[in-house]
Amino acid sequence: MGKGYILKVARVTKGMKCNSREVRLYHRVPSSLRKHLGKIVDHGDGWLIMRKIDKHLPKTRDYKKKVSKVYRKFKRYGVKISDIIQSGKPNKANIRVNKKRRVVLIDYANNRKHH
């Protein structure tokens, strides 16, 4: 989209459900968790606009620990996001680092509430 934003448009029903889950999660979690989610600035039927984050997750032990900490934080709140950690390693395709060096999830549609 330019100017630091991306547009996610669903082309199939499953994509629409994923976008809807991201929007719902973003608006329902407390700010202590929301700061780890890509910022959704607008949304509609099957689409959403997020703030773009380009910096990839560094391959350091420190960031691996940060990702695990974020994962546990969501889990304590009752949200399991399956795309954060895969096979014991951070899923770098779905994680970025913002200007504050904070771990941010850019694709968090694969989530579910658990108790």
Protein backbone atom coordinates (compact mmCIF):
# COMPACT_ATOMS: atom_id res chain seq x y z
CA MET A 1 0.00 0.00 0.00
CA GLY A 2 2.94 2.30 0.52
CA LYS A 3 3.36 4.77 3.36
CA GLY A 4 4.09 2.00 5.86
CA TYR A 5 0.89 -0.03 5.58
CA ILE A 6 -0.13 -3.35 4.06
CA LEU A 7 -3.51 -4.50 2.82
CA LYS A 8 -4.53 -8.09 3.47
CA VAL A 9 -7.37 -9.13 1.19
CA ALA A 10 -9.05 -12.51 1.46
CA ARG A 11 -9.72 -14.31 -1.80
CA VAL A 12 -11.41 -17.39 -0.37
CA THR A 13 -13.79 -18.11 2.51
CA LYS A 14 -11.02 -19.47 4.72
CA GLY A 15 -9.04 -16.25 4.23
CA MET A 16 -12.07 -14.20 5.25
CA LYS A 17 -12.34 -16.22 8.45
CA CYS A 18 -8.62 -15.77 9.15
CA ASN A 19 -8.80 -12.00 8.69
CA SER A 20 -11.85 -11.91 10.93
CA ARG A 21 -10.03 -13.91 13.66
CA GLU A 22 -7.08 -11.50 13.52
CA VAL A 23 -9.35 -8.47 13.92
CA ARG A 24 -11.29 -10.10 16.75
CA LEU A 25 -8.12 -11.08 18.63
CA TYR A 26 -6.52 -7.67 18.13
CA HIS A 27 -9.54 -5.87 19.63
CA ARG A 28 -10.15 -8.31 22.49
CA VAL A 29 -6.74 -8.75 24.13
CA PRO A 30 -5.38 -6.33 26.72
CA SER A 31 -2.81 -3.74 25.65
CA SER A 32 -0.02 -5.77 27.28
CA LEU A 33 -0.63 -8.41 24.59
CA ARG A 34 -1.79 -6.11 21.79
CA LYS A 35 1.66 -4.49 21.67
CA HIS A 36 2.90 -7.85 20.34
CA LEU A 37 0.36 -7.94 17.49
CA GLY A 38 0.72 -6.17 14.17
CA LYS A 39 -1.39 -3.02 14.46
CA ILE A 40 -4.68 -3.20 12.57
CA VAL A 41 -5.64 0.32 11.55
CA ASP A 42 -8.79 -0.47 9.54
CA HIS A 43 -10.82 -3.48 8.47
CA GLY A 44 -13.91 -4.51 6.58
CA ASP A 45 -15.58 -7.54 5.07
CA GLY A 46 -12.66 -9.82 4.11
CA TRP A 47 -9.89 -7.21 4.29
CA LEU A 48 -7.73 -5.43 6.82
CA ILE A 49 -5.00 -2.81 6.82
CA MET A 50 -2.00 -3.28 9.10
CA ARG A 51 1.02 -1.20 9.89
CA LYS A 52 4.00 -2.62 8.00
CA ILE A 53 7.00 -3.94 9.93
CA ASP A 54 10.02 -4.85 7.81
CA LYS A 55 12.68 -5.85 10.34
CA HIS A 56 12.99 -9.63 10.49
CA LEU A 57 13.62 -11.56 13.68
CA PRO A 58 17.36 -11.75 14.42
CA LYS A 59 18.82 -15.25 14.79
CA THR A 60 19.99 -14.75 18.36
CA ARG A 61 19.37 -16.60 21.59
CA ASP A 62 18.02 -13.36 23.10
CA TYR A 63 15.25 -13.08 20.50
CA LYS A 64 14.43 -16.78 20.75
CA LYS A 65 13.84 -16.18 24.48
CA LYS A 66 11.71 -13.11 23.70
CA VAL A 67 9.54 -15.13 21.32
CA SER A 68 9.06 -17.85 23.95
CA LYS A 69 8.13 -15.21 26.51
CA VAL A 70 5.51 -13.72 24.15
CA TYR A 71 4.14 -17.21 23.44
CA ARG A 72 3.78 -17.91 27.19
CA LYS A 73 2.20 -14.50 27.76
CA PHE A 74 -0.56 -15.24 25.26
CA LYS A 75 -1.01 -18.74 26.63
CA ARG A 76 -1.46 -17.37 30.18
CA TYR A 77 -4.22 -15.15 28.85
CA GLY A 78 -5.86 -18.21 27.28
CA VAL A 79 -4.86 -17.64 23.64
CA LYS A 80 -2.84 -20.20 21.74
CA ILE A 81 -1.33 -18.90 18.50
CA SER A 82 -0.01 -21.93 16.69
CA ASP A 83 2.18 -20.00 14.24
CA ILE A 84 4.55 -18.44 16.79
CA ILE A 85 6.71 -21.49 17.46
CA GLN A 86 7.02 -24.48 15.15
CA SER A 87 9.19 -27.52 15.91
CA GLY A 88 10.62 -25.70 18.93
CA LYS A 89 11.86 -22.71 16.90
CA PRO A 90 10.37 -19.26 16.25
CA ASN A 91 8.38 -19.12 13.02
CA LYS A 92 10.25 -16.22 11.42
CA ALA A 93 7.72 -15.88 8.58
CA ASN A 94 5.11 -14.58 11.03
CA ILE A 95 7.28 -12.59 13.44
CA ARG A 96 8.98 -9.20 13.10
CA VAL A 97 10.76 -6.77 15.39
CA ASN A 98 9.45 -3.22 15.70
CA LYS A 99 11.40 0.00 16.27
CA LYS A 100 11.28 -0.59 20.04
CA ARG A 101 12.95 -4.00 19.46
CA ARG A 102 9.75 -5.69 20.57
CA VAL A 103 8.65 -9.04 19.08
CA VAL A 104 5.52 -8.47 16.97
CA LEU A 105 3.33 -11.09 15.30
CA ILE A 106 2.30 -10.08 11.80
CA ASP A 107 0.14 -13.11 11.02
CA TYR A 108 -1.88 -14.32 13.97
CA ALA A 109 -4.95 -15.78 12.31
CA ASN A 110 -4.21 -19.31 13.59
CA ASN A 111 -5.32 -18.67 17.11
CA ARG A 112 -7.82 -20.21 19.43
CA LYS A 113 -9.06 -19.53 22.90
CA HIS A 114 -8.35 -22.20 25.48
CA HIS A 115 -8.79 -22.44 29.22
